[in-house]
Amino acid sequence: MVRLTPTERILIEGRAKNAGLKPSEWFRKAAKSAKVFPRFTVEETGWFRMLAGVANNLNQLTHLAHVAGLFTLAMKCQTIVKQVEELITKLSSHDG
């Protein structure tokens, strides 16, 4: 069973009539030959996952700012940024 809007039903019935088929037969044939493409690529899905992670981290930082205050949050962020910079430096020097 497939739900259709009145417009979709009229369209399918018209196409089936032009093909000399019953609407159900036309619909089955069309479904068998249809090419379905994923809404997003695997890479794009990964980007959305990363974006969701960033949004989650931002939410946690906002909560921390409300609980511990902005100064504490700023100090924590500076510490994290310094650690990331140190890791990038180590990775860069190890690269070559």
C-alpha atoms as a PDB file:
ATOM      1  CA  MET A   1       0.000   0.000   0.000  1.00  0.00           C
ATOM      2  CA  VAL A   2       1.363   3.389  -0.953  1.00  0.00           C
ATOM      3  CA  ARG A   3      -0.097   6.703   0.120  1.00  0.00           C
ATOM      4  CA  LEU A   4      -0.425   9.269  -2.626  1.00  0.00           C
ATOM      5  CA  THR A   5      -1.674  12.804  -2.782  1.00  0.00           C
ATOM      6  CA  PRO A   6      -4.578  13.375  -5.168  1.00  0.00           C
ATOM      7  CA  THR A   7      -2.169  15.058  -7.587  1.00  0.00           C
ATOM      8  CA  GLU A   8       0.265  12.123  -7.472  1.00  0.00           C
ATOM      9  CA  ARG A   9      -2.591   9.676  -8.045  1.00  0.00           C
ATOM     10  CA  ILE A  10      -3.787  11.581 -11.127  1.00  0.00           C
ATOM     11  CA  LEU A  11      -0.234  11.764 -12.482  1.00  0.00           C
ATOM     12  CA  ILE A  12       0.390   8.034 -12.023  1.00  0.00           C
ATOM     13  CA  GLU A  13      -3.002   7.076 -13.427  1.00  0.00           C
ATOM     14  CA  GLY A  14      -2.316   9.241 -16.488  1.00  0.00           C
ATOM     15  CA  ARG A  15       1.111   7.721 -17.070  1.00  0.00           C
ATOM     16  CA  ALA A  16      -0.259   4.205 -16.584  1.00  0.00           C
ATOM     17  CA  LYS A  17      -3.068   4.859 -19.074  1.00  0.00           C
ATOM     18  CA  ASN A  18      -0.579   6.198 -21.651  1.00  0.00           C
ATOM     19  CA  ALA A  19       1.497   3.030 -21.193  1.00  0.00           C
ATOM     20  CA  GLY A  20      -1.561   0.802 -21.467  1.00  0.00           C
ATOM     21  CA  LEU A  21      -1.101  -0.507 -17.937  1.00  0.00           C
ATOM     22  CA  LYS A  22      -3.092  -0.583 -14.739  1.00  0.00           C
ATOM     23  CA  PRO A  23      -1.773   1.955 -12.205  1.00  0.00           C
ATOM     24  CA  SER A  24      -0.540  -0.791  -9.867  1.00  0.00           C
ATOM     25  CA  GLU A  25       1.327  -2.528 -12.703  1.00  0.00           C
ATOM     26  CA  TRP A  26       2.848   0.758 -13.891  1.00  0.00           C
ATOM     27  CA  PHE A  27       3.878   1.576 -10.319  1.00  0.00           C
ATOM     28  CA  ARG A  28       5.592  -1.818  -9.843  1.00  0.00           C
ATOM     29  CA  LYS A  29       7.487  -1.495 -13.139  1.00  0.00           C
ATOM     30  CA  ALA A  30       8.520   2.062 -12.328  1.00  0.00           C
ATOM     31  CA  ALA A  31       9.708   1.030  -8.849  1.00  0.00           C
ATOM     32  CA  LYS A  32      11.777  -1.861 -10.255  1.00  0.00           C
ATOM     33  CA  SER A  33      13.588   0.325 -12.767  1.00  0.00           C
ATOM     34  CA  ALA A  34      14.028   3.386 -10.546  1.00  0.00           C
ATOM     35  CA  LYS A  35      17.513   4.411  -9.492  1.00  0.00           C
ATOM     36  CA  VAL A  36      17.648   5.555  -5.888  1.00  0.00           C
ATOM     37  CA  PHE A  37      20.541   7.696  -4.728  1.00  0.00           C
ATOM     38  CA  PRO A  38      21.472   8.214  -1.086  1.00  0.00           C
ATOM     39  CA  ARG A  39      20.432  11.561   0.246  1.00  0.00           C
ATOM     40  CA  PHE A  40      23.993  12.277   1.373  1.00  0.00           C
ATOM     41  CA  THR A  41      27.351  10.730   0.517  1.00  0.00           C
ATOM     42  CA  VAL A  42      29.339   8.852   3.163  1.00  0.00           C
ATOM     43  CA  GLU A  43      31.705  11.817   3.319  1.00  0.00           C
ATOM     44  CA  GLU A  44      28.848  14.293   3.836  1.00  0.00           C
ATOM     45  CA  THR A  45      27.372  12.080   6.555  1.00  0.00           C
ATOM     46  CA  GLY A  46      30.755  12.199   8.297  1.00  0.00           C
ATOM     47  CA  TRP A  47      30.745  15.987   8.104  1.00  0.00           C
ATOM     48  CA  PHE A  48      27.305  16.099   9.701  1.00  0.00           C
ATOM     49  CA  ARG A  49      28.514  13.792  12.460  1.00  0.00           C
ATOM     50  CA  MET A  50      31.514  16.056  13.071  1.00  0.00           C
ATOM     51  CA  LEU A  51      29.264  19.119  13.073  1.00  0.00           C
ATOM     52  CA  ALA A  52      26.995  17.458  15.635  1.00  0.00           C
ATOM     53  CA  GLY A  53      30.060  16.766  17.790  1.00  0.00           C
ATOM     54  CA  VAL A  54      31.165  20.391  17.560  1.00  0.00           C
ATOM     55  CA  ALA A  55      27.652  21.531  18.488  1.00  0.00           C
ATOM     56  CA  ASN A  56      27.682  19.157  21.465  1.00  0.00           C
ATOM     57  CA  ASN A  57      31.045  20.513  22.610  1.00  0.00           C
ATOM     58  CA  LEU A  58      29.781  24.083  22.275  1.00  0.00           C
ATOM     59  CA  ASN A  59      26.744  23.162  24.347  1.00  0.00           C
ATOM     60  CA  GLN A  60      28.978  21.693  27.063  1.00  0.00           C
ATOM     61  CA  LEU A  61      31.172  24.807  27.068  1.00  0.00           C
ATOM     62  CA  THR A  62      28.114  27.040  27.355  1.00  0.00           C
ATOM     63  CA  HIS A  63      26.900  24.974  30.306  1.00  0.00           C
ATOM     64  CA  LEU A  64      30.340  25.211  31.925  1.00  0.00           C
ATOM     65  CA  ALA A  65      30.324  29.001  31.447  1.00  0.00           C
ATOM     66  CA  HIS A  66      26.982  29.223  33.263  1.00  0.00           C
ATOM     67  CA  VAL A  67      28.094  26.926  36.101  1.00  0.00           C
ATOM     68  CA  ALA A  68      31.731  27.880  36.643  1.00  0.00           C
ATOM     69  CA  GLY A  69      31.829  31.367  35.141  1.00  0.00           C
ATOM     70  CA  LEU A  70      33.425  32.811  32.040  1.00  0.00           C
ATOM     71  CA  PHE A  71      36.893  33.190  33.565  1.00  0.00           C
ATOM     72  CA  THR A  72      37.108  29.478  34.374  1.00  0.00           C
ATOM     73  CA  LEU A  73      35.887  28.650  30.883  1.00  0.00           C
ATOM     74  CA  ALA A  74      38.448  30.980  29.291  1.00  0.00           C
ATOM     75  CA  MET A  75      41.273  29.395  31.301  1.00  0.00           C
ATOM     76  CA  LYS A  76      40.130  25.895  30.319  1.00  0.00           C
ATOM     77  CA  CYS A  77      39.933  26.898  26.640  1.00  0.00           C
ATOM     78  CA  GLN A  78      43.421  28.437  26.753  1.00  0.00           C
ATOM     79  CA  THR A  79      44.803  25.230  28.265  1.00  0.00           C
ATOM     80  CA  ILE A  80      43.143  23.098  25.573  1.00  0.00           C
ATOM     81  CA  VAL A  81      44.337  25.391  22.762  1.00  0.00           C
ATOM     82  CA  LYS A  82      47.893  25.226  24.150  1.00  0.00           C
ATOM     83  CA  GLN A  83      47.753  21.408  24.256  1.00  0.00           C
ATOM     84  CA  VAL A  84      46.451  21.270  20.682  1.00  0.00           C
ATOM     85  CA  GLU A  85      49.212  23.631  19.505  1.00  0.00           C
ATOM     86  CA  GLU A  86      51.848  21.466  21.230  1.00  0.00           C
ATOM     87  CA  LEU A  87      50.474  18.337  19.575  1.00  0.00           C
ATOM     88  CA  ILE A  88      50.431  20.018  16.158  1.00  0.00           C
ATOM     89  CA  THR A  89      54.043  21.124  16.666  1.00  0.00           C
ATOM     90  CA  LYS A  90      55.083  17.586  17.641  1.00  0.00           C
ATOM     91  CA  LEU A  91      53.245  16.104  14.659  1.00  0.00           C
ATOM     92  CA  SER A  92      54.751  18.690  12.284  1.00  0.00           C
ATOM     93  CA  SER A  93      58.296  18.049  13.492  1.00  0.00           C
ATOM     94  CA  HIS A  94      57.753  14.280  13.320  1.00  0.00           C
ATOM     95  CA  ASP A  95      56.391  14.541   9.749  1.00  0.00           C
ATOM     96  CA  GLY A  96      59.652  15.095   7.955  1.00  0.00           C
END
